[in-house]
N, C-alpha and C. Protein backbone atom coordinates (compact mmCIF):
# COMPACT_ATOMS: atom_id res chain seq x y z
N UNK A 1 104.88 103.54 84.94
CA UNK A 1 103.87 102.69 84.47
C UNK A 1 102.90 103.87 84.71
N UNK A 2 102.17 103.43 83.91
CA UNK A 2 101.05 104.60 83.39
C UNK A 2 100.10 104.29 84.38
N UNK A 3 98.88 105.53 84.34
CA UNK A 3 97.86 106.00 84.85
C UNK A 3 97.14 104.84 84.84
N UNK A 4 96.73 104.13 83.46
CA UNK A 4 95.70 103.23 83.41
C UNK A 4 96.44 101.82 84.07
N UNK A 5 97.35 101.72 84.09
CA UNK A 5 97.63 100.48 84.87
C UNK A 5 97.79 100.55 86.02
N UNK A 6 97.57 101.35 86.93
CA UNK A 6 97.61 101.60 88.40
C UNK A 6 96.19 101.36 88.28
N UNK A 7 95.36 102.03 87.87
CA UNK A 7 94.35 101.73 88.07
C UNK A 7 93.15 100.39 87.81
N UNK A 8 93.94 99.82 86.99
CA UNK A 8 93.97 98.45 86.41
C UNK A 8 94.47 97.59 87.60
N UNK A 9 95.36 97.94 88.02
CA UNK A 9 95.55 96.99 89.62
C UNK A 9 94.72 97.24 90.74
N UNK A 10 94.65 98.61 90.93
CA UNK A 10 93.73 98.93 92.25
C UNK A 10 92.42 98.34 92.02
N UNK A 11 91.53 98.51 90.49
CA UNK A 11 90.38 98.29 90.37
C UNK A 11 90.13 96.40 90.34
N UNK A 12 91.10 95.43 90.16
CA UNK A 12 91.56 94.28 90.11
C UNK A 12 91.27 94.07 91.85
N UNK A 13 91.98 94.90 92.38
CA UNK A 13 92.33 94.08 93.69
C UNK A 13 91.01 94.64 94.96
N UNK A 14 90.60 95.94 94.50
CA UNK A 14 89.27 96.62 95.21
C UNK A 14 88.11 95.50 95.61
N UNK A 15 88.14 95.28 97.25
CA UNK A 15 87.23 94.35 97.65
C UNK A 15 87.21 93.08 97.40
N UNK A 16 88.49 92.73 97.26
CA UNK A 16 88.67 91.40 96.97
C UNK A 16 88.09 90.26 98.06
N UNK A 17 87.58 88.99 97.64
CA UNK A 17 87.51 88.49 98.68
C UNK A 17 88.40 87.14 99.26
N UNK A 18 88.55 86.48 97.38
CA UNK A 18 89.70 85.60 97.53
C UNK A 18 90.35 86.01 96.37
N UNK A 19 91.84 85.36 96.23
CA UNK A 19 92.70 85.69 94.81
C UNK A 19 92.67 84.36 93.81
N UNK A 20 92.33 85.04 92.92
CA UNK A 20 91.95 83.94 91.65
C UNK A 20 93.16 83.89 90.85
N UNK A 21 93.39 83.14 89.83
CA UNK A 21 94.77 82.71 89.21
C UNK A 21 94.74 84.06 87.95
N UNK A 22 93.71 84.80 87.68
CA UNK A 22 93.50 85.42 86.91
C UNK A 22 94.36 86.93 87.40
N UNK A 23 93.64 87.12 88.86
CA UNK A 23 95.02 88.01 89.47
C UNK A 23 96.17 87.72 89.31
N UNK A 24 96.57 86.50 90.11
CA UNK A 24 98.04 86.23 90.13
C UNK A 24 98.62 86.31 88.62
N UNK A 25 98.40 86.03 87.62
CA UNK A 25 99.16 86.32 86.53
C UNK A 25 99.06 87.37 86.27
N UNK A 26 98.15 88.61 86.49
CA UNK A 26 98.43 89.74 86.01
C UNK A 26 99.38 90.68 87.00
N UNK A 27 99.60 90.23 88.08
CA UNK A 27 100.43 90.79 89.00
C UNK A 27 101.77 89.80 88.63
N UNK A 28 102.00 89.15 87.98
CA UNK A 28 103.03 88.38 87.75
C UNK A 28 103.73 88.76 86.31
N UNK A 29 102.25 89.49 85.47
CA UNK A 29 103.01 90.00 83.95
C UNK A 29 103.76 91.63 84.28
N UNK A 30 103.54 91.96 85.37
CA UNK A 30 104.89 93.37 85.94
C UNK A 30 105.92 92.59 86.34
N UNK A 31 106.47 91.57 85.81
CA UNK A 31 107.83 91.16 86.87
C UNK A 31 108.01 90.86 88.14
N UNK A 32 106.72 90.69 88.66
CA UNK A 32 106.79 89.77 90.18
C UNK A 32 106.74 88.71 90.53
N UNK A 33 107.32 88.19 91.28
CA UNK A 33 107.47 86.72 91.72
C UNK A 33 106.33 86.73 92.95
N UNK A 34 104.91 85.73 92.76
CA UNK A 34 104.17 85.51 93.86
C UNK A 34 104.39 84.09 94.56
N UNK A 35 104.30 83.63 95.82
CA UNK A 35 104.57 82.78 96.43
C UNK A 35 103.59 82.86 97.51
N UNK A 36 103.01 81.93 97.71
CA UNK A 36 102.01 81.37 98.63
C UNK A 36 102.39 80.33 99.46
N UNK A 37 102.45 80.33 100.91
CA UNK A 37 102.55 79.72 101.59
C UNK A 37 101.54 79.72 103.04
N UNK A 38 101.44 78.64 103.49
CA UNK A 38 100.34 79.06 104.76
C UNK A 38 98.88 80.13 104.26
N UNK A 39 98.74 80.99 104.88
CA UNK A 39 97.53 82.49 105.12
C UNK A 39 97.69 83.34 103.97
N UNK A 40 98.69 83.48 103.93
CA UNK A 40 99.53 84.79 103.14
C UNK A 40 100.36 84.84 101.47
N UNK A 41 100.02 85.61 100.94
CA UNK A 41 101.17 85.67 99.42
C UNK A 41 102.13 86.47 99.84
N UNK A 42 103.04 86.05 99.21
CA UNK A 42 104.27 87.10 99.21
C UNK A 42 104.69 87.42 97.88
N UNK A 43 104.90 88.86 97.42
CA UNK A 43 105.29 88.98 96.49
C UNK A 43 106.88 90.10 96.13
N UNK A 44 107.56 89.68 95.21
CA UNK A 44 108.78 90.33 95.22
C UNK A 44 109.04 90.54 93.69
N UNK A 45 110.04 91.39 93.71
CA UNK A 45 110.72 91.44 92.19
C UNK A 45 111.68 90.34 91.98
N UNK A 46 111.45 90.10 90.12
CA UNK A 46 112.24 89.38 89.88
C UNK A 46 113.91 89.72 90.13
N UNK A 47 114.03 91.20 90.04
CA UNK A 47 115.42 91.53 90.05
C UNK A 47 115.69 91.65 91.66
N UNK A 48 114.95 91.31 92.39
CA UNK A 48 115.20 91.00 93.45
C UNK A 48 115.38 92.61 94.61
N UNK A 49 115.49 93.69 93.66
CA UNK A 49 115.32 94.86 94.46
C UNK A 49 114.33 95.38 95.26
N UNK A 50 114.42 96.02 96.19
CA UNK A 50 113.35 96.70 97.10
C UNK A 50 113.11 95.30 97.80
N UNK A 51 111.93 95.54 98.58
CA UNK A 51 111.56 94.18 99.50
C UNK A 51 110.61 93.56 99.21
N UNK A 52 109.66 93.52 99.80
CA UNK A 52 108.52 92.34 99.47
C UNK A 52 107.55 92.85 99.86
N UNK A 53 106.06 92.49 99.21
CA UNK A 53 104.92 92.59 100.19
C UNK A 53 103.77 91.17 100.20
N UNK A 54 103.49 91.42 101.56
CA UNK A 54 102.76 90.38 101.87
C UNK A 54 101.28 90.68 102.01
N UNK A 55 100.02 89.87 101.49
CA UNK A 55 98.86 90.22 101.98
C UNK A 55 98.35 88.81 101.96
N UNK A 56 96.86 88.85 102.66
CA UNK A 56 96.08 87.72 103.02
C UNK A 56 95.64 86.85 101.81
N UNK A 57 95.79 85.47 101.91
CA UNK A 57 94.70 84.80 100.94
C UNK A 57 93.37 85.24 101.20
N UNK A 58 92.49 85.52 102.21
CA UNK A 58 90.84 85.88 102.07
C UNK A 58 91.54 86.89 103.97
N UNK A 59 90.86 88.16 102.98
CA UNK A 59 91.35 89.76 103.95
C UNK A 59 90.09 89.52 104.38
N UNK A 60 89.93 90.16 105.80
CA UNK A 60 88.88 90.64 106.62
C UNK A 60 88.55 91.93 106.59
N UNK A 61 89.43 92.74 106.12
CA UNK A 61 89.30 94.34 105.79
C UNK A 61 88.95 94.45 104.52
N UNK A 62 87.65 95.49 104.50
CA UNK A 62 87.46 96.06 103.11
C UNK A 62 88.50 96.78 102.30
N UNK A 63 89.26 97.36 103.07
CA UNK A 63 90.27 98.09 102.27
C UNK A 63 91.49 96.97 102.10
N UNK A 64 91.50 96.34 102.47
CA UNK A 64 92.77 95.49 102.55
C UNK A 64 93.62 95.41 100.96
N UNK A 65 92.52 95.35 99.90
CA UNK A 65 92.62 95.29 98.15
C UNK A 65 93.27 96.77 98.07
N UNK A 66 92.61 97.94 98.30
CA UNK A 66 93.72 98.68 98.13
C UNK A 66 94.85 99.22 98.73
N UNK A 67 94.96 98.81 99.67
CA UNK A 67 96.30 99.05 100.52
C UNK A 67 97.07 98.16 99.88
N UNK A 68 96.94 97.26 99.43
CA UNK A 68 97.97 95.93 99.19
C UNK A 68 97.96 96.59 97.46
N UNK A 69 97.36 97.26 96.67
CA UNK A 69 97.56 97.54 95.43
C UNK A 69 98.73 98.73 95.18
N UNK A 70 98.26 99.70 96.47
CA UNK A 70 99.18 100.63 96.49
C UNK A 70 100.73 100.24 96.74
N UNK A 71 100.59 99.43 97.89
CA UNK A 71 101.91 98.58 97.87
C UNK A 71 102.61 97.90 96.51
N UNK A 72 101.76 97.15 95.76
CA UNK A 72 102.32 96.78 94.66
C UNK A 72 103.06 97.57 93.93
N UNK A 73 102.14 98.50 93.46
CA UNK A 73 102.55 99.80 92.61
C UNK A 73 103.84 100.32 92.98
N UNK A 74 104.27 100.66 94.49
CA UNK A 74 105.46 101.25 95.06
C UNK A 74 106.35 100.08 94.75
N UNK A 75 105.95 98.81 94.77
CA UNK A 75 107.12 97.79 94.24
C UNK A 75 107.45 97.99 92.76
N UNK A 76 106.63 97.99 92.36
CA UNK A 76 106.87 98.10 90.49
C UNK A 76 107.84 99.47 90.22
N UNK A 77 107.24 100.37 91.04
CA UNK A 77 107.93 101.41 90.23
C UNK A 77 109.18 101.84 90.81
N UNK A 78 110.21 100.75 91.98
CA UNK A 78 111.38 100.90 92.12
C UNK A 78 111.99 101.17 91.16
């Protein structure tokens, strides 16, 4: 994964208030499956390697987007 792709993910999720369809499509373009039930989304890899990442549909923390972006990048790079 290139540095510019990492920055694109971080910039997309930085300070998010709600998840948009364009955000979900971009996450899915990296070979990840996004499922949402209840108040959270769950992201896992298509090849089922590694674990999963959960994040709130409407976070209360301002750093939540950056924290989730780092977890998503780690999941992609497995």
